[in-house]
N, C-alpha and C. Protein backbone atom coordinates (compact mmCIF):
# COMPACT_ATOMS: atom_id res chain seq x y z
N MET A 1 45.72 -1.55 152.86
CA MET A 1 45.01 -0.91 153.16
C MET A 1 44.58 -1.01 154.59
N SER A 2 44.82 0.32 155.49
CA SER A 2 44.41 -0.21 156.60
C SER A 2 43.13 0.41 156.62
N SER A 3 42.52 0.10 157.62
CA SER A 3 41.25 1.08 158.04
C SER A 3 41.08 1.43 159.56
N SER A 4 40.94 1.97 160.10
CA SER A 4 40.80 3.18 161.12
C SER A 4 39.99 2.72 162.27
N PRO A 5 39.76 1.91 163.51
CA PRO A 5 38.95 1.81 163.61
C PRO A 5 37.86 3.23 164.17
N ILE A 6 35.75 2.43 163.26
CA ILE A 6 35.19 3.93 164.36
C ILE A 6 34.44 3.57 165.28
N VAL A 7 33.86 4.34 165.98
CA VAL A 7 33.25 4.68 167.32
C VAL A 7 32.31 5.36 167.43
N TYR A 8 31.64 4.63 168.10
CA TYR A 8 30.19 5.22 168.37
C TYR A 8 30.53 6.13 169.42
N THR A 9 29.37 7.51 170.04
CA THR A 9 29.15 8.54 170.60
C THR A 9 28.04 7.69 171.25
N LYS A 10 27.68 8.40 172.09
CA LYS A 10 26.31 9.05 172.41
C LYS A 10 25.30 8.72 172.16
N GLU A 11 26.13 9.99 171.14
CA GLU A 11 24.78 10.49 170.87
C GLU A 11 24.28 9.74 168.90
N LYS A 12 25.11 8.63 169.07
CA LYS A 12 24.93 7.65 168.22
C LYS A 12 25.37 8.25 166.63
N THR A 13 26.83 8.93 166.93
CA THR A 13 27.53 9.52 165.35
C THR A 13 28.59 8.93 165.77
N LEU A 14 29.02 8.63 163.91
CA LEU A 14 30.06 8.74 163.58
C LEU A 14 31.50 9.24 164.23
N GLN A 15 32.83 8.57 164.73
CA GLN A 15 33.49 9.58 165.34
C GLN A 15 34.94 8.43 165.19
N TYR A 16 35.53 9.01 164.45
CA TYR A 16 36.99 8.84 164.41
C TYR A 16 38.07 8.76 165.77
N PRO A 17 38.86 7.75 165.83
CA PRO A 17 39.52 7.88 167.51
C PRO A 17 40.17 9.39 167.38
N GLN A 18 40.59 9.39 166.22
CA GLN A 18 41.62 11.20 166.14
C GLN A 18 41.18 12.00 165.98
N GLU A 19 39.27 12.05 165.55
CA GLU A 19 38.44 13.50 166.78
C GLU A 19 38.18 13.45 167.88
N ARG A 20 38.93 12.28 168.66
CA ARG A 20 38.64 12.45 169.84
C ARG A 20 39.63 12.79 170.90
N PHE A 21 40.66 13.46 170.25
CA PHE A 21 41.87 13.95 171.02
C PHE A 21 41.00 15.55 171.62
N TYR A 22 41.65 15.79 172.91
CA TYR A 22 41.78 16.71 173.84
C TYR A 22 42.29 17.01 175.09
N ILE A 23 42.63 18.38 175.10
CA ILE A 23 43.23 18.53 176.35
C ILE A 23 41.95 19.01 177.51
N ASP A 24 41.78 18.04 179.07
CA ASP A 24 40.72 18.60 179.27
C ASP A 24 41.36 19.43 180.95
N GLN A 25 41.08 20.66 180.13
CA GLN A 25 41.95 21.94 181.64
C GLN A 25 40.69 22.27 182.24
N PRO A 26 41.44 22.09 182.88
CA PRO A 26 40.40 22.59 184.26
C PRO A 26 40.31 24.38 184.24
N VAL A 27 40.81 24.70 184.30
CA VAL A 27 40.42 26.81 184.06
C VAL A 27 40.86 27.07 182.54
N ALA A 28 39.33 27.12 182.06
CA ALA A 28 39.48 28.12 180.54
C ALA A 28 40.35 29.15 180.41
N PRO A 29 41.35 29.26 179.12
CA PRO A 29 41.62 29.84 178.54
C PRO A 29 41.20 31.51 178.72
N GLY A 30 42.15 32.15 179.30
CA GLY A 30 41.15 33.68 179.39
C GLY A 30 40.09 33.96 180.07
N SER A 31 40.55 33.41 181.93
CA SER A 31 39.37 33.63 182.52
C SER A 31 40.74 33.47 183.76
N TYR A 32 39.69 34.75 184.68
CA TYR A 32 40.45 35.18 186.28
C TYR A 32 41.12 33.72 186.78
N MET A 33 42.49 34.11 187.42
CA MET A 33 42.62 33.09 187.96
C MET A 33 42.56 33.91 189.56
N GLY A 34 42.92 34.56 190.21
CA GLY A 34 42.77 35.60 191.60
C GLY A 34 43.72 36.10 191.68
N PRO A 35 43.64 37.05 192.30
CA PRO A 35 44.63 37.91 192.53
C PRO A 35 46.10 37.37 192.98
N ILE A 36 47.03 38.01 192.27
CA ILE A 36 48.63 37.75 193.73
C ILE A 36 48.51 37.76 194.52
N ASP A 37 47.94 39.02 195.46
CA ASP A 37 48.00 39.05 196.91
C ASP A 37 47.01 39.42 196.79
N ALA A 38 46.32 38.15 197.93
CA ALA A 38 44.91 37.89 198.16
C ALA A 38 44.42 39.39 199.64
N SER A 39 45.70 39.46 200.39
CA SER A 39 45.55 40.73 201.18
C SER A 39 45.03 42.21 200.71
N LEU A 40 45.32 42.42 199.38
CA LEU A 40 45.36 44.04 198.95
C LEU A 40 43.96 43.77 199.04
N PRO A 41 44.07 45.04 199.47
CA PRO A 41 41.85 45.87 199.56
C PRO A 41 41.19 46.14 197.86
N GLY A 42 40.23 45.11 197.39
CA GLY A 42 39.74 45.35 196.40
C GLY A 42 40.12 43.76 195.79
N ALA A 43 41.21 43.06 195.92
CA ALA A 43 41.59 41.19 196.20
C ALA A 43 40.79 41.06 195.66
N ASP A 44 39.04 41.57 195.82
CA ASP A 44 38.43 39.67 195.83
C ASP A 44 37.50 40.39 194.72
N LYS A 45 37.36 41.48 194.06
CA LYS A 45 36.78 41.72 192.75
C LYS A 45 37.37 41.08 191.62
N VAL A 46 36.96 41.01 190.37
CA VAL A 46 37.37 40.75 189.35
C VAL A 46 38.03 41.41 188.56
N PRO A 47 38.88 41.73 187.51
CA PRO A 47 39.53 42.72 187.23
C PRO A 47 37.89 43.35 186.03
N LEU A 48 37.92 44.62 185.61
CA LEU A 48 36.91 44.41 184.20
C LEU A 48 37.61 43.78 182.76
N LEU A 49 38.81 43.72 182.80
CA LEU A 49 39.31 43.14 181.50
C LEU A 49 38.35 41.81 181.48
N PHE A 50 38.72 40.94 182.79
CA PHE A 50 38.21 38.88 182.69
C PHE A 50 36.53 39.31 183.28
N GLN A 51 35.94 40.23 183.09
CA GLN A 51 34.03 40.35 183.10
C GLN A 51 33.78 39.64 181.63
N ARG A 52 32.68 39.03 181.99
CA ARG A 52 32.23 38.83 180.60
C ARG A 52 31.62 40.24 179.71
N LEU A 53 30.63 40.51 178.90
CA LEU A 53 30.96 41.31 177.85
C LEU A 53 29.83 41.01 177.24
N THR A 54 28.06 41.56 176.89
CA THR A 54 27.45 41.33 176.02
C THR A 54 27.26 42.45 175.03
N ILE A 55 27.80 42.25 173.99
CA ILE A 55 26.85 42.99 173.25
C ILE A 55 25.72 42.73 171.77
N LYS A 56 24.13 42.68 171.78
CA LYS A 56 23.54 42.68 171.67
C LYS A 56 23.01 41.05 171.46
N ASP A 57 23.63 40.65 171.00
CA ASP A 57 23.45 38.65 170.79
C ASP A 57 25.16 38.29 171.02
N LEU A 58 26.01 38.87 171.35
CA LEU A 58 27.38 38.29 171.31
C LEU A 58 27.50 38.52 172.91
N THR A 59 28.25 36.66 173.46
CA THR A 59 28.35 37.44 174.79
C THR A 59 30.09 36.57 175.43
N MET A 60 30.63 37.60 175.21
CA MET A 60 31.73 37.29 174.65
C MET A 60 32.90 36.81 176.44
N ALA A 61 32.89 35.95 176.90
CA ALA A 61 34.01 34.84 178.06
C ALA A 61 34.74 36.69 179.13
N ASN A 62 35.33 37.03 177.92
CA ASN A 62 36.57 37.76 178.72
C ASN A 62 36.32 39.72 177.84
N ARG A 63 36.79 40.32 177.85
CA ARG A 63 37.35 41.85 177.34
C ARG A 63 38.34 41.50 176.30
N ILE A 64 39.34 41.04 176.27
CA ILE A 64 40.19 40.67 175.88
C ILE A 64 39.71 40.30 173.62
N VAL A 65 40.19 41.81 172.49
CA VAL A 65 39.79 41.85 171.95
C VAL A 65 41.31 41.30 170.77
N VAL A 66 41.31 41.22 169.47
CA VAL A 66 42.64 40.85 169.13
C VAL A 66 42.10 41.73 167.10
N ALA A 67 42.83 43.02 167.08
CA ALA A 67 42.15 43.77 166.32
C ALA A 67 42.60 42.59 164.96
N PRO A 68 42.59 43.11 163.75
CA PRO A 68 42.81 43.00 163.37
C PRO A 68 44.40 43.45 162.28
N MET A 69 44.91 41.99 161.92
CA MET A 69 46.52 42.57 161.45
C MET A 69 46.96 42.91 159.96
N CYS A 70 45.85 42.69 159.27
CA CYS A 70 46.43 42.99 157.97
C CYS A 70 47.83 42.09 156.91
N MET A 71 47.26 41.14 157.72
CA MET A 71 48.47 40.96 157.41
C MET A 71 49.03 39.74 155.16
N TYR A 72 47.46 40.03 154.74
CA TYR A 72 47.74 40.56 153.25
C TYR A 72 48.28 39.04 152.75
N SER A 73 48.14 37.85 153.58
CA SER A 73 48.48 36.44 152.82
C SER A 73 47.34 35.58 152.53
N ALA A 74 45.85 36.14 152.46
CA ALA A 74 44.89 35.37 151.42
C ALA A 74 45.27 35.01 150.35
N GLU A 75 45.01 33.52 149.83
CA GLU A 75 44.98 33.42 148.58
C GLU A 75 43.68 33.41 147.88
N ASP A 76 43.41 34.76 146.72
CA ASP A 76 42.26 34.25 145.94
C ASP A 76 41.24 35.20 146.89
N GLY A 77 41.65 35.49 148.17
CA GLY A 77 40.65 36.12 149.26
C GLY A 77 40.08 35.13 149.96
N PHE A 78 40.51 33.63 149.91
CA PHE A 78 40.22 32.73 151.25
C PHE A 78 41.99 32.79 152.46
N MET A 79 41.10 32.51 153.02
CA MET A 79 42.30 32.22 154.75
C MET A 79 42.76 30.81 154.12
N THR A 80 44.19 30.92 154.53
CA THR A 80 45.01 29.99 154.74
C THR A 80 44.95 29.36 155.49
N ASN A 81 46.00 28.00 155.61
CA ASN A 81 46.45 27.76 156.62
C ASN A 81 47.28 28.64 158.07
N PHE A 82 48.01 29.53 157.20
CA PHE A 82 48.54 30.40 157.50
C PHE A 82 47.52 31.32 158.99
N HIS A 83 46.30 31.71 158.55
CA HIS A 83 45.13 32.13 159.08
C HIS A 83 44.86 30.84 160.02
N LEU A 84 44.92 29.97 159.73
CA LEU A 84 44.27 28.74 161.13
C LEU A 84 45.34 28.57 161.67
N ALA A 85 46.67 28.89 161.41
CA ALA A 85 47.22 28.51 162.71
C ALA A 85 48.03 30.16 163.79
N HIS A 86 48.03 31.75 162.98
CA HIS A 86 48.47 32.69 163.54
C HIS A 86 46.71 33.17 164.45
N LEU A 87 45.71 32.91 163.88
CA LEU A 87 44.45 33.10 164.81
C LEU A 87 44.33 32.46 165.93
N GLY A 88 44.25 31.08 165.42
CA GLY A 88 43.73 30.15 165.97
C GLY A 88 44.54 30.17 167.62
N SER A 89 45.86 30.58 167.25
CA SER A 89 47.09 30.58 168.51
C SER A 89 45.82 31.51 169.57
N PHE A 90 45.35 32.79 168.94
CA PHE A 90 44.46 33.84 169.71
C PHE A 90 43.68 32.81 170.89
N ALA A 91 42.85 32.71 169.67
CA ALA A 91 41.96 31.46 170.73
C ALA A 91 42.29 30.48 171.34
N ILE A 92 42.98 29.55 171.42
CA ILE A 92 43.62 28.47 172.12
C ILE A 92 44.15 29.54 173.08
N HIS A 93 44.48 30.93 173.57
CA HIS A 93 45.06 31.36 174.21
C HIS A 93 44.11 32.29 175.01
N GLY A 94 42.97 32.32 175.22
CA GLY A 94 41.64 32.25 175.65
C GLY A 94 41.36 34.25 174.98
N ALA A 95 41.84 33.93 173.62
CA ALA A 95 41.02 36.03 173.02
C ALA A 95 39.36 35.72 173.80
N GLY A 96 39.21 36.53 173.69
CA GLY A 96 37.06 37.11 173.97
C GLY A 96 36.75 36.91 172.32
N LEU A 97 37.53 37.61 171.83
CA LEU A 97 36.97 37.97 170.48
C LEU A 97 38.04 38.06 169.53
N ILE A 98 38.37 37.22 168.64
CA ILE A 98 39.26 36.93 167.05
C ILE A 98 38.77 38.34 165.98
N ILE A 99 39.08 39.05 165.43
CA ILE A 99 38.93 40.11 164.29
C ILE A 99 39.86 39.78 163.28
N ALA A 100 39.52 39.49 162.06
CA ALA A 100 39.62 38.83 161.09
C ALA A 100 40.51 39.57 160.06
N GLU A 101 42.18 39.94 159.32
CA GLU A 101 41.77 41.05 158.53
C GLU A 101 41.43 41.48 157.50
N ALA A 102 42.15 42.46 156.77
CA ALA A 102 40.76 43.66 156.43
C ALA A 102 40.41 42.35 155.02
N SER A 103 39.18 42.65 154.34
CA SER A 103 38.71 41.88 153.41
C SER A 103 38.32 43.28 152.58
N ALA A 104 38.44 43.00 151.15
CA ALA A 104 37.76 43.37 149.91
C ALA A 104 37.56 43.09 148.69
N VAL A 105 36.69 43.39 148.06
CA VAL A 105 36.30 43.51 146.48
C VAL A 105 36.56 43.47 145.96
N GLU A 106 37.64 42.80 145.09
CA GLU A 106 37.61 42.82 143.98
C GLU A 106 37.51 42.26 142.30
N PRO A 107 37.89 42.90 141.16
CA PRO A 107 37.14 42.08 140.29
C PRO A 107 38.19 40.85 139.96
């Protein structure tokens, strides 16, 4: 039986080495990178699509919204690994809001 080395973080919480993997990105996904041609008039303005949007208590980093796609792949009304991979890919690539597929209550 092999045991993983346990690492303590600054907050004094247990953390396993496999939980520490991350990719440091210089720019957050979904961010505006700047104009293609800075010589154009108005090139210094951030397009509306990449501006923050606040609705009540929710603030989104940009205005990119992924609509529900109704894939009908839930099992007993619960999300599966398919949903994790499918919707997670939109999150990783910087969508500001992701709406999961339709749901309904049935006996």
